[in-house]
Amino acid sequence: MDNCILELNKITQDIINRLDNCSYEELNDFVEQRQILIDQLEQHVKKQSIGVIQHHQLRELLETDPMIITRMQQLKSEAAKWLQQREQAKTQRNAYEAAYTPDSFLMDRKK
């Protein structure tokens, strides 16, 4: 169990140290690794109770969650903004594109 907590602490500190510059892929990898370790911890806790020191270490790790969640929300907002800009550009482009059939003829009338 201590190994899981140490590994969880290591990956958490690593992501916190580079949080401002990490990409969504890195955060996604972190979340996946973290979930594997948490699942392992749950298996250990079912077999034996958690100690006071281990409980304290886990609480300290949970205190970093708001920073990580904030970064995830920033990346989500950036992605939403980018998608919105793409949609606006598509709408503007479609407004200027001619809606005609390529085989059609233009007939002018003489006055």
PDB file of N, CA and C in Angstrom:
ATOM      1  N   MET A   1       0.827  -1.190   0.000  1.00  0.00           N
ATOM      2  CA  MET A   1       0.000   0.000   0.000  1.00  0.00           C
ATOM      3  C   MET A   1       0.869   1.251   0.000  1.00  0.00           C
ATOM      4  N   ASP A   2       1.969   1.194   0.748  1.00  0.00           N
ATOM      5  CA  ASP A   2       2.858   2.356   0.787  1.00  0.00           C
ATOM      6  C   ASP A   2       3.436   2.659  -0.587  1.00  0.00           C
ATOM      7  N   ASN A   3       3.721   1.613  -1.361  1.00  0.00           N
ATOM      8  CA  ASN A   3       4.254   1.827  -2.711  1.00  0.00           C
ATOM      9  C   ASN A   3       3.251   2.553  -3.592  1.00  0.00           C
ATOM     10  N   CYS A   4       1.986   2.198  -3.461  1.00  0.00           N
ATOM     11  CA  CYS A   4       0.941   2.871  -4.240  1.00  0.00           C
ATOM     12  C   CYS A   4       0.845   4.347  -3.861  1.00  0.00           C
ATOM     13  N   ILE A   5       0.906   4.617  -2.580  1.00  0.00           N
ATOM     14  CA  ILE A   5       0.817   6.003  -2.113  1.00  0.00           C
ATOM     15  C   ILE A   5       2.042   6.790  -2.569  1.00  0.00           C
ATOM     16  N   LEU A   6       3.221   6.170  -2.489  1.00  0.00           N
ATOM     17  CA  LEU A   6       4.440   6.855  -2.934  1.00  0.00           C
ATOM     18  C   LEU A   6       4.384   7.141  -4.437  1.00  0.00           C
ATOM     19  N   GLU A   7       3.932   6.179  -5.215  1.00  0.00           N
ATOM     20  CA  GLU A   7       3.821   6.374  -6.665  1.00  0.00           C
ATOM     21  C   GLU A   7       2.770   7.437  -6.979  1.00  0.00           C
ATOM     22  N   LEU A   8       1.671   7.417  -6.268  1.00  0.00           N
ATOM     23  CA  LEU A   8       0.624   8.423  -6.441  1.00  0.00           C
ATOM     24  C   LEU A   8       1.160   9.813  -6.110  1.00  0.00           C
ATOM     25  N   ASN A   9       1.922   9.902  -5.041  1.00  0.00           N
ATOM     26  CA  ASN A   9       2.540  11.169  -4.651  1.00  0.00           C
ATOM     27  C   ASN A   9       3.523  11.635  -5.723  1.00  0.00           C
ATOM     28  N   LYS A  10       4.308  10.709  -6.258  1.00  0.00           N
ATOM     29  CA  LYS A  10       5.309  11.045  -7.272  1.00  0.00           C
ATOM     30  C   LYS A  10       4.653  11.604  -8.535  1.00  0.00           C
ATOM     31  N   ILE A  11       3.653  10.916  -9.057  1.00  0.00           N
ATOM     32  CA  ILE A  11       3.025  11.396 -10.299  1.00  0.00           C
ATOM     33  C   ILE A  11       2.244  12.687 -10.071  1.00  0.00           C
ATOM     34  N   THR A  12       1.685  12.840  -8.868  1.00  0.00           N
ATOM     35  CA  THR A  12       0.946  14.066  -8.550  1.00  0.00           C
ATOM     36  C   THR A  12       1.898  15.258  -8.478  1.00  0.00           C
ATOM     37  N   GLN A  13       3.016  15.089  -7.798  1.00  0.00           N
ATOM     38  CA  GLN A  13       3.996  16.175  -7.705  1.00  0.00           C
ATOM     39  C   GLN A  13       4.574  16.515  -9.077  1.00  0.00           C
ATOM     40  N   ASP A  14       4.774  15.498  -9.887  1.00  0.00           N
ATOM     41  CA  ASP A  14       5.297  15.722 -11.230  1.00  0.00           C
ATOM     42  C   ASP A  14       4.329  16.568 -12.056  1.00  0.00           C
ATOM     43  N   ILE A  15       3.058  16.251 -12.004  1.00  0.00           N
ATOM     44  CA  ILE A  15       2.082  17.010 -12.798  1.00  0.00           C
ATOM     45  C   ILE A  15       1.885  18.416 -12.213  1.00  0.00           C
ATOM     46  N   ILE A  16       1.952  18.549 -10.893  1.00  0.00           N
ATOM     47  CA  ILE A  16       1.814  19.866 -10.262  1.00  0.00           C
ATOM     48  C   ILE A  16       2.974  20.775 -10.661  1.00  0.00           C
ATOM     49  N   ASN A  17       4.185  20.213 -10.727  1.00  0.00           N
ATOM     50  CA  ASN A  17       5.360  21.015 -11.068  1.00  0.00           C
ATOM     51  C   ASN A  17       5.302  21.571 -12.485  1.00  0.00           C
ATOM     52  N   ARG A  18       4.628  20.908 -13.379  1.00  0.00           N
ATOM     53  CA  ARG A  18       4.542  21.382 -14.757  1.00  0.00           C
ATOM     54  C   ARG A  18       3.102  21.640 -15.190  1.00  0.00           C
ATOM     55  N   LEU A  19       2.263  21.940 -14.232  1.00  0.00           N
ATOM     56  CA  LEU A  19       0.830  22.101 -14.487  1.00  0.00           C
ATOM     57  C   LEU A  19       0.522  23.213 -15.482  1.00  0.00           C
ATOM     58  N   ASP A  20       1.239  24.332 -15.390  1.00  0.00           N
ATOM     59  CA  ASP A  20       0.946  25.466 -16.271  1.00  0.00           C
ATOM     60  C   ASP A  20       1.287  25.183 -17.728  1.00  0.00           C
ATOM     61  N   ASN A  21       2.189  24.242 -17.968  1.00  0.00           N
ATOM     62  CA  ASN A  21       2.646  23.975 -19.331  1.00  0.00           C
ATOM     63  C   ASN A  21       2.200  22.619 -19.867  1.00  0.00           C
ATOM     64  N   CYS A  22       1.455  21.872 -19.092  1.00  0.00           N
ATOM     65  CA  CYS A  22       1.098  20.533 -19.542  1.00  0.00           C
ATOM     66  C   CYS A  22      -0.108  20.588 -20.484  1.00  0.00           C
ATOM     67  N   SER A  23      -0.142  19.623 -21.379  1.00  0.00           N
ATOM     68  CA  SER A  23      -1.227  19.537 -22.358  1.00  0.00           C
ATOM     69  C   SER A  23      -2.349  18.664 -21.805  1.00  0.00           C
ATOM     70  N   TYR A  24      -3.433  18.639 -22.550  1.00  0.00           N
ATOM     71  CA  TYR A  24      -4.553  17.810 -22.097  1.00  0.00           C
ATOM     72  C   TYR A  24      -4.201  16.329 -22.191  1.00  0.00           C
ATOM     73  N   GLU A  25      -3.303  15.967 -23.128  1.00  0.00           N
ATOM     74  CA  GLU A  25      -2.877  14.567 -23.225  1.00  0.00           C
ATOM     75  C   GLU A  25      -2.128  14.141 -21.969  1.00  0.00           C
ATOM     76  N   GLU A  26      -1.264  15.026 -21.482  1.00  0.00           N
ATOM     77  CA  GLU A  26      -0.511  14.729 -20.264  1.00  0.00           C
ATOM     78  C   GLU A  26      -1.444  14.608 -19.060  1.00  0.00           C
ATOM     79  N   LEU A  27      -2.422  15.486 -18.990  1.00  0.00           N
ATOM     80  CA  LEU A  27      -3.392  15.401 -17.895  1.00  0.00           C
ATOM     81  C   LEU A  27      -4.227  14.128 -18.009  1.00  0.00           C
ATOM     82  N   ASN A  28      -4.563  13.749 -19.218  1.00  0.00           N
ATOM     83  CA  ASN A  28      -5.321  12.525 -19.430  1.00  0.00           C
ATOM     84  C   ASN A  28      -4.496  11.306 -18.995  1.00  0.00           C
ATOM     85  N   ASP A  29      -3.220  11.286 -19.345  1.00  0.00           N
ATOM     86  CA  ASP A  29      -2.343  10.193 -18.917  1.00  0.00           C
ATOM     87  C   ASP A  29      -2.233  10.149 -17.394  1.00  0.00           C
ATOM     88  N   PHE A  30      -2.120  11.320 -16.795  1.00  0.00           N
ATOM     89  CA  PHE A  30      -2.039  11.403 -15.337  1.00  0.00           C
ATOM     90  C   PHE A  30      -3.290  10.821 -14.692  1.00  0.00           C
ATOM     91  N   VAL A  31      -4.442  11.194 -15.203  1.00  0.00           N
ATOM     92  CA  VAL A  31      -5.709  10.715 -14.633  1.00  0.00           C
ATOM     93  C   VAL A  31      -5.813   9.195 -14.766  1.00  0.00           C
ATOM     94  N   GLU A  32      -5.393   8.664 -15.907  1.00  0.00           N
ATOM     95  CA  GLU A  32      -5.441   7.219 -16.096  1.00  0.00           C
ATOM     96  C   GLU A  32      -4.495   6.492 -15.132  1.00  0.00           C
ATOM     97  N   GLN A  33      -3.272   7.003 -14.995  1.00  0.00           N
ATOM     98  CA  GLN A  33      -2.313   6.404 -14.053  1.00  0.00           C
ATOM     99  C   GLN A  33      -2.839   6.494 -12.627  1.00  0.00           C
ATOM    100  N   ARG A  34      -3.374   7.640 -12.309  1.00  0.00           N
ATOM    101  CA  ARG A  34      -3.899   7.862 -10.962  1.00  0.00           C
ATOM    102  C   ARG A  34      -5.039   6.888 -10.654  1.00  0.00           C
ATOM    103  N   GLN A  35      -5.914   6.676 -11.623  1.00  0.00           N
ATOM    104  CA  GLN A  35      -7.037   5.772 -11.399  1.00  0.00           C
ATOM    105  C   GLN A  35      -6.555   4.342 -11.154  1.00  0.00           C
ATOM    106  N   ILE A  36      -5.550   3.916 -11.884  1.00  0.00           N
ATOM    107  CA  ILE A  36      -4.984   2.573 -11.674  1.00  0.00           C
ATOM    108  C   ILE A  36      -4.450   2.448 -10.257  1.00  0.00           C
ATOM    109  N   LEU A  37      -3.723   3.466  -9.806  1.00  0.00           N
ATOM    110  CA  LEU A  37      -3.167   3.431  -8.446  1.00  0.00           C
ATOM    111  C   LEU A  37      -4.274   3.477  -7.392  1.00  0.00           C
ATOM    112  N   ILE A  38      -5.298   4.250  -7.629  1.00  0.00           N
ATOM    113  CA  ILE A  38      -6.411   4.325  -6.673  1.00  0.00           C
ATOM    114  C   ILE A  38      -7.134   2.987  -6.593  1.00  0.00           C
ATOM    115  N   ASP A  39      -7.308   2.338  -7.744  1.00  0.00           N
ATOM    116  CA  ASP A  39      -7.926   1.016  -7.740  1.00  0.00           C
ATOM    117  C   ASP A  39      -7.094   0.020  -6.932  1.00  0.00           C
ATOM    118  N   GLN A  40      -5.780   0.100  -7.068  1.00  0.00           N
ATOM    119  CA  GLN A  40      -4.895  -0.767  -6.290  1.00  0.00           C
ATOM    120  C   GLN A  40      -5.000  -0.461  -4.797  1.00  0.00           C
ATOM    121  N   LEU A  41      -5.076   0.821  -4.474  1.00  0.00           N
ATOM    122  CA  LEU A  41      -5.233   1.213  -3.070  1.00  0.00           C
ATOM    123  C   LEU A  41      -6.532   0.679  -2.487  1.00  0.00           C
ATOM    124  N   GLU A  42      -7.594   0.740  -3.266  1.00  0.00           N
ATOM    125  CA  GLU A  42      -8.877   0.225  -2.792  1.00  0.00           C
ATOM    126  C   GLU A  42      -8.784  -1.267  -2.488  1.00  0.00           C
ATOM    127  N   GLN A  43      -8.069  -1.994  -3.309  1.00  0.00           N
ATOM    128  CA  GLN A  43      -7.886  -3.428  -3.064  1.00  0.00           C
ATOM    129  C   GLN A  43      -7.118  -3.662  -1.766  1.00  0.00           C
ATOM    130  N   HIS A  44      -6.091  -2.852  -1.513  1.00  0.00           N
ATOM    131  CA  HIS A  44      -5.314  -2.979  -0.271  1.00  0.00           C
ATOM    132  C   HIS A  44      -6.158  -2.629   0.951  1.00  0.00           C
ATOM    133  N   VAL A  45      -6.988  -1.594   0.817  1.00  0.00           N
ATOM    134  CA  VAL A  45      -7.810  -1.153   1.946  1.00  0.00           C
ATOM    135  C   VAL A  45      -8.843  -2.213   2.305  1.00  0.00           C
ATOM    136  N   LYS A  46      -9.324  -2.946   1.307  1.00  0.00           N
ATOM    137  CA  LYS A  46     -10.280  -4.024   1.586  1.00  0.00           C
ATOM    138  C   LYS A  46      -9.631  -5.140   2.409  1.00  0.00           C
ATOM    139  N   LYS A  47      -8.327  -5.333   2.206  1.00  0.00           N
ATOM    140  CA  LYS A  47      -7.606  -6.398   2.917  1.00  0.00           C
ATOM    141  C   LYS A  47      -7.154  -5.967   4.306  1.00  0.00           C
ATOM    142  N   GLN A  48      -6.720  -4.730   4.425  1.00  0.00           N
ATOM    143  CA  GLN A  48      -6.243  -4.229   5.718  1.00  0.00           C
ATOM    144  C   GLN A  48      -6.612  -2.762   5.875  1.00  0.00           C
ATOM    145  N   SER A  49      -6.700  -2.334   7.110  1.00  0.00           N
ATOM    146  CA  SER A  49      -7.096  -0.945   7.351  1.00  0.00           C
ATOM    147  C   SER A  49      -5.931  -0.010   7.046  1.00  0.00           C
ATOM    148  N   ILE A  50      -6.288   1.233   6.844  1.00  0.00           N
ATOM    149  CA  ILE A  50      -5.300   2.245   6.495  1.00  0.00           C
ATOM    150  C   ILE A  50      -4.764   2.887   7.768  1.00  0.00           C
ATOM    151  N   GLY A  51      -3.465   3.161   7.782  1.00  0.00           N
ATOM    152  CA  GLY A  51      -2.835   3.752   8.958  1.00  0.00           C
ATOM    153  C   GLY A  51      -3.022   5.255   9.008  1.00  0.00           C
ATOM    154  N   VAL A  52      -2.687   5.821  10.149  1.00  0.00           N
ATOM    155  CA  VAL A  52      -2.838   7.269  10.345  1.00  0.00           C
ATOM    156  C   VAL A  52      -1.918   8.034   9.398  1.00  0.00           C
ATOM    157  N   ILE A  53      -0.700   7.578   9.257  1.00  0.00           N
ATOM    158  CA  ILE A  53       0.267   8.257   8.380  1.00  0.00           C
ATOM    159  C   ILE A  53      -0.199   8.173   6.934  1.00  0.00           C
ATOM    160  N   GLN A  54      -0.662   7.003   6.536  1.00  0.00           N
ATOM    161  CA  GLN A  54      -1.143   6.826   5.171  1.00  0.00           C
ATOM    162  C   GLN A  54      -2.383   7.695   4.917  1.00  0.00           C
ATOM    163  N   HIS A  55      -3.236   7.758   5.898  1.00  0.00           N
ATOM    164  CA  HIS A  55      -4.438   8.604   5.798  1.00  0.00           C
ATOM    165  C   HIS A  55      -4.030  10.062   5.609  1.00  0.00           C
ATOM    166  N   HIS A  56      -3.042  10.512   6.357  1.00  0.00           N
ATOM    167  CA  HIS A  56      -2.550  11.884   6.266  1.00  0.00           C
ATOM    168  C   HIS A  56      -1.931  12.141   4.881  1.00  0.00           C
ATOM    169  N   GLN A  57      -1.165  11.182   4.370  1.00  0.00           N
ATOM    170  CA  GLN A  57      -0.553  11.337   3.044  1.00  0.00           C
ATOM    171  C   GLN A  57      -1.624  11.458   1.958  1.00  0.00           C
ATOM    172  N   LEU A  58      -2.657  10.659   2.070  1.00  0.00           N
ATOM    173  CA  LEU A  58      -3.738  10.721   1.085  1.00  0.00           C
ATOM    174  C   LEU A  58      -4.495  12.046   1.156  1.00  0.00           C
ATOM    175  N   ARG A  59      -4.677  12.557   2.358  1.00  0.00           N
ATOM    176  CA  ARG A  59      -5.334  13.866   2.514  1.00  0.00           C
ATOM    177  C   ARG A  59      -4.505  14.970   1.854  1.00  0.00           C
ATOM    178  N   GLU A  60      -3.183  14.902   2.009  1.00  0.00           N
ATOM    179  CA  GLU A  60      -2.318  15.898   1.383  1.00  0.00           C
ATOM    180  C   GLU A  60      -2.420  15.826  -0.143  1.00  0.00           C
ATOM    181  N   LEU A  61      -2.524  14.622  -0.654  1.00  0.00           N
ATOM    182  CA  LEU A  61      -2.677  14.465  -2.100  1.00  0.00           C
ATOM    183  C   LEU A  61      -3.998  15.047  -2.591  1.00  0.00           C
ATOM    184  N   LEU A  62      -5.040  14.863  -1.812  1.00  0.00           N
ATOM    185  CA  LEU A  62      -6.347  15.394  -2.191  1.00  0.00           C
ATOM    186  C   LEU A  62      -6.365  16.922  -2.208  1.00  0.00           C
ATOM    187  N   GLU A  63      -5.477  17.535  -1.449  1.00  0.00           N
ATOM    188  CA  GLU A  63      -5.419  18.994  -1.409  1.00  0.00           C
ATOM    189  C   GLU A  63      -4.923  19.587  -2.728  1.00  0.00           C
ATOM    190  N   THR A  64      -4.268  18.773  -3.553  1.00  0.00           N
ATOM    191  CA  THR A  64      -3.786  19.261  -4.848  1.00  0.00           C
ATOM    192  C   THR A  64      -4.869  19.197  -5.929  1.00  0.00           C
ATOM    193  N   ASP A  65      -5.943  18.509  -5.653  1.00  0.00           N
ATOM    194  CA  ASP A  65      -7.003  18.334  -6.657  1.00  0.00           C
ATOM    195  C   ASP A  65      -7.564  19.646  -7.202  1.00  0.00           C
ATOM    196  N   PRO A  66      -7.827  20.652  -6.369  1.00  0.00           N
ATOM    197  CA  PRO A  66      -8.379  21.900  -6.928  1.00  0.00           C
ATOM    198  C   PRO A  66      -7.477  22.541  -7.988  1.00  0.00           C
ATOM    199  N   MET A  67      -6.158  22.468  -7.806  1.00  0.00           N
ATOM    200  CA  MET A  67      -5.243  23.037  -8.803  1.00  0.00           C
ATOM    201  C   MET A  67      -5.336  22.274 -10.116  1.00  0.00           C
ATOM    202  N   ILE A  68      -5.390  20.962 -10.017  1.00  0.00           N
ATOM    203  CA  ILE A  68      -5.459  20.124 -11.212  1.00  0.00           C
ATOM    204  C   ILE A  68      -6.796  20.329 -11.921  1.00  0.00           C
ATOM    205  N   ILE A  69      -7.861  20.397 -11.158  1.00  0.00           N
ATOM    206  CA  ILE A  69      -9.192  20.604 -11.739  1.00  0.00           C
ATOM    207  C   ILE A  69      -9.274  21.967 -12.419  1.00  0.00           C
ATOM    208  N   THR A  70      -8.676  22.982 -11.828  1.00  0.00           N
ATOM    209  CA  THR A  70      -8.664  24.314 -12.428  1.00  0.00           C
ATOM    210  C   THR A  70      -7.977  24.287 -13.782  1.00  0.00           C
ATOM    211  N   ARG A  71      -6.839  23.602 -13.851  1.00  0.00           N
ATOM    212  CA  ARG A  71      -6.119  23.500 -15.128  1.00  0.00           C
ATOM    213  C   ARG A  71      -6.956  22.749 -16.167  1.00  0.00           C
ATOM    214  N   MET A  72      -7.619  21.699 -15.732  1.00  0.00           N
ATOM    215  CA  MET A  72      -8.479  20.944 -16.653  1.00  0.00           C
ATOM    216  C   MET A  72      -9.605  21.825 -17.182  1.00  0.00           C
ATOM    217  N   GLN A  73     -10.170  22.651 -16.326  1.00  0.00           N
ATOM    218  CA  GLN A  73     -11.248  23.547 -16.748  1.00  0.00           C
ATOM    219  C   GLN A  73     -10.725  24.611 -17.713  1.00  0.00           C
ATOM    220  N   GLN A  74      -9.488  25.080 -17.493  1.00  0.00           N
ATOM    221  CA  GLN A  74      -8.889  26.036 -18.424  1.00  0.00           C
ATOM    222  C   GLN A  74      -8.746  25.411 -19.809  1.00  0.00           C
ATOM    223  N   LEU A  75      -8.240  24.192 -19.845  1.00  0.00           N
ATOM    224  CA  LEU A  75      -8.081  23.507 -21.122  1.00  0.00           C
ATOM    225  C   LEU A  75      -9.431  23.254 -21.787  1.00  0.00           C
ATOM    226  N   LYS A  76     -10.432  22.941 -20.994  1.00  0.00           N
ATOM    227  CA  LYS A  76     -11.780  22.728 -21.527  1.00  0.00           C
ATOM    228  C   LYS A  76     -12.321  24.021 -22.126  1.00  0.00           C
ATOM    229  N   SER A  77     -12.105  25.147 -21.440  1.00  0.00           N
ATOM    230  CA  SER A  77     -12.571  26.442 -21.942  1.00  0.00           C
ATOM    231  C   SER A  77     -11.860  26.814 -23.241  1.00  0.00           C
ATOM    232  N   GLU A  78     -10.549  26.553 -23.300  1.00  0.00           N
ATOM    233  CA  GLU A  78      -9.794  26.834 -24.518  1.00  0.00           C
ATOM    234  C   GLU A  78     -10.329  26.012 -25.684  1.00  0.00           C
ATOM    235  N   ALA A  79     -10.603  24.755 -25.432  1.00  0.00           N
ATOM    236  CA  ALA A  79     -11.125  23.886 -26.492  1.00  0.00           C
ATOM    237  C   ALA A  79     -12.508  24.350 -26.944  1.00  0.00           C
ATOM    238  N   ALA A  80     -13.352  24.739 -26.003  1.00  0.00           N
ATOM    239  CA  ALA A  80     -14.694  25.214 -26.346  1.00  0.00           C
ATOM    240  C   ALA A  80     -14.613  26.502 -27.162  1.00  0.00           C
ATOM    241  N   LYS A  81     -13.710  27.385 -26.778  1.00  0.00           N
ATOM    242  CA  LYS A  81     -13.538  28.643 -27.506  1.00  0.00           C
ATOM    243  C   LYS A  81     -13.058  28.369 -28.932  1.00  0.00           C
ATOM    244  N   TRP A  82     -12.111  27.448 -29.076  1.00  0.00           N
ATOM    245  CA  TRP A  82     -11.607  27.094 -30.392  1.00  0.00           C
ATOM    246  C   TRP A  82     -12.715  26.506 -31.257  1.00  0.00           C
ATOM    247  N   LEU A  83     -13.514  25.625 -30.682  1.00  0.00           N
ATOM    248  CA  LEU A  83     -14.624  25.027 -31.435  1.00  0.00           C
ATOM    249  C   LEU A  83     -15.648  26.082 -31.853  1.00  0.00           C
ATOM    250  N   GLN A  84     -15.903  27.020 -30.975  1.00  0.00           N
ATOM    251  CA  GLN A  84     -16.856  28.086 -31.288  1.00  0.00           C
ATOM    252  C   GLN A  84     -16.321  28.950 -32.429  1.00  0.00           C
ATOM    253  N   GLN A  85     -15.023  29.262 -32.402  1.00  0.00           N
ATOM    254  CA  GLN A  85     -14.432  30.047 -33.481  1.00  0.00           C
ATOM    255  C   GLN A  85     -14.486  29.297 -34.804  1.00  0.00           C
ATOM    256  N   ARG A  86     -14.249  27.993 -34.759  1.00  0.00           N
ATOM    257  CA  ARG A  86     -14.334  27.176 -35.980  1.00  0.00           C
ATOM    258  C   ARG A  86     -15.757  27.195 -36.542  1.00  0.00           C
ATOM    259  N   GLU A  87     -16.729  27.100 -35.668  1.00  0.00           N
ATOM    260  CA  GLU A  87     -18.124  27.110 -36.100  1.00  0.00           C
ATOM    261  C   GLU A  87     -18.495  28.460 -36.717  1.00  0.00           C
ATOM    262  N   GLN A  88     -18.012  29.554 -36.113  1.00  0.00           N
ATOM    263  CA  GLN A  88     -18.283  30.881 -36.665  1.00  0.00           C
ATOM    264  C   GLN A  88     -17.628  31.042 -38.031  1.00  0.00           C
ATOM    265  N   ALA A  89     -16.409  30.577 -38.161  1.00  0.00           N
ATOM    266  CA  ALA A  89     -15.710  30.670 -39.441  1.00  0.00           C
ATOM    267  C   ALA A  89     -16.438  29.847 -40.499  1.00  0.00           C
ATOM    268  N   LYS A  90     -16.924  28.703 -40.127  1.00  0.00           N
ATOM    269  CA  LYS A  90     -17.666  27.845 -41.061  1.00  0.00           C
ATOM    270  C   LYS A  90     -18.958  28.536 -41.496  1.00  0.00           C
ATOM    271  N   THR A  91     -19.659  29.154 -40.557  1.00  0.00           N
ATOM    272  CA  THR A  91     -20.896  29.860 -40.863  1.00  0.00           C
ATOM    273  C   THR A  91     -20.624  31.029 -41.803  1.00  0.00           C
ATOM    274  N   GLN A  92     -19.571  31.789 -41.532  1.00  0.00           N
ATOM    275  CA  GLN A  92     -19.231  32.924 -42.387  1.00  0.00           C
ATOM    276  C   GLN A  92     -18.810  32.458 -43.777  1.00  0.00           C
ATOM    277  N   ARG A  93     -18.060  31.396 -43.850  1.00  0.00           N
ATOM    278  CA  ARG A  93     -17.617  30.864 -45.140  1.00  0.00           C
ATOM    279  C   ARG A  93     -18.820  30.383 -45.956  1.00  0.00           C
ATOM    280  N   ASN A  94     -19.745  29.708 -45.297  1.00  0.00           N
ATOM    281  CA  ASN A  94     -20.934  29.218 -45.997  1.00  0.00           C
ATOM    282  C   ASN A  94     -21.805  30.363 -46.502  1.00  0.00           C
ATOM    283  N   ALA A  95     -21.811  31.476 -45.805  1.00  0.00           N
ATOM    284  CA  ALA A  95     -22.618  32.611 -46.229  1.00  0.00           C
ATOM    285  C   ALA A  95     -22.096  33.202 -47.538  1.00  0.00           C
ATOM    286  N   TYR A  96     -20.784  33.132 -47.765  1.00  0.00           N
ATOM    287  CA  TYR A  96     -20.197  33.702 -48.968  1.00  0.00           C
ATOM    288  C   TYR A  96     -20.071  32.702 -50.113  1.00  0.00           C
ATOM    289  N   GLU A  97     -20.235  31.433 -49.818  1.00  0.00           N
ATOM    290  CA  GLU A  97     -20.163  30.444 -50.887  1.00  0.00           C
ATOM    291  C   GLU A  97     -21.449  30.490 -51.704  1.00  0.00           C
ATOM    292  N   ALA A  98     -21.297  30.340 -52.978  1.00  0.00           N
ATOM    293  CA  ALA A  98     -22.464  30.379 -53.858  1.00  0.00           C
ATOM    294  C   ALA A  98     -23.222  29.068 -53.762  1.00  0.00           C
ATOM    295  N   ALA A  99     -24.512  29.195 -53.600  1.00  0.00           N
ATOM    296  CA  ALA A  99     -25.365  28.016 -53.535  1.00  0.00           C
ATOM    297  C   ALA A  99     -26.000  27.834 -54.909  1.00  0.00           C
ATOM    298  N   TYR A 100     -25.241  27.265 -55.832  1.00  0.00           N
ATOM    299  CA  TYR A 100     -25.739  27.079 -57.179  1.00  0.00           C
ATOM    300  C   TYR A 100     -25.383  25.685 -57.667  1.00  0.00           C
ATOM    301  N   THR A 101     -26.044  25.312 -58.728  1.00  0.00           N
ATOM    302  CA  THR A 101     -25.764  24.034 -59.355  1.00  0.00           C
ATOM    303  C   THR A 101     -24.714  24.269 -60.428  1.00  0.00           C
ATOM    304  N   PRO A 102     -23.665  23.488 -60.495  1.00  0.00           N
ATOM    305  CA  PRO A 102     -22.601  23.740 -61.468  1.00  0.00           C
ATOM    306  C   PRO A 102     -23.072  23.623 -62.924  1.00  0.00           C
ATOM    307  N   ASP A 103     -24.137  22.916 -63.185  1.00  0.00           N
ATOM    308  CA  ASP A 103     -24.623  22.746 -64.547  1.00  0.00           C
ATOM    309  C   ASP A 103     -25.680  23.773 -64.942  1.00  0.00           C
ATOM    310  N   SER A 104     -25.944  24.728 -64.117  1.00  0.00           N
ATOM    311  CA  SER A 104     -27.004  25.687 -64.421  1.00  0.00           C
ATOM    312  C   SER A 104     -26.509  26.764 -65.387  1.00  0.00           C
ATOM    313  N   PHE A 105     -27.451  27.398 -66.056  1.00  0.00           N
ATOM    314  CA  PHE A 105     -27.153  28.466 -67.004  1.00  0.00           C
ATOM    315  C   PHE A 105     -27.709  29.771 -66.469  1.00  0.00           C
ATOM    316  N   LEU A 106     -27.004  30.829 -66.762  1.00  0.00           N
ATOM    317  CA  LEU A 106     -27.467  32.170 -66.395  1.00  0.00           C
ATOM    318  C   LEU A 106     -28.007  32.827 -67.656  1.00  0.00           C
ATOM    319  N   MET A 107     -29.228  33.245 -67.629  1.00  0.00           N
ATOM    320  CA  MET A 107     -29.852  33.864 -68.794  1.00  0.00           C
ATOM    321  C   MET A 107     -30.173  35.311 -68.468  1.00  0.00           C
ATOM    322  N   ASP A 108     -29.667  36.217 -69.260  1.00  0.00           N
ATOM    323  CA  ASP A 108     -29.992  37.633 -69.125  1.00  0.00           C
ATOM    324  C   ASP A 108     -31.085  37.977 -70.132  1.00  0.00           C
ATOM    325  N   ARG A 109     -31.932  38.907 -69.761  1.00  0.00           N
ATOM    326  CA  ARG A 109     -32.958  39.389 -70.694  1.00  0.00           C
ATOM    327  C   ARG A 109     -32.526  40.715 -71.280  1.00  0.00           C
ATOM    328  N   LYS A 110     -32.837  40.903 -72.536  1.00  0.00           N
ATOM    329  CA  LYS A 110     -32.579  42.202 -73.155  1.00  0.00           C
ATOM    330  C   LYS A 110     -33.718  43.129 -72.831  1.00  0.00           C
ATOM    331  N   LYS A 111     -33.393  44.363 -72.613  1.00  0.00           N
ATOM    332  CA  LYS A 111     -34.433  45.349 -72.345  1.00  0.00           C
ATOM    333  C   LYS A 111     -34.722  46.159 -73.568  1.00  0.00           C
TER     334      LYS A 111
END
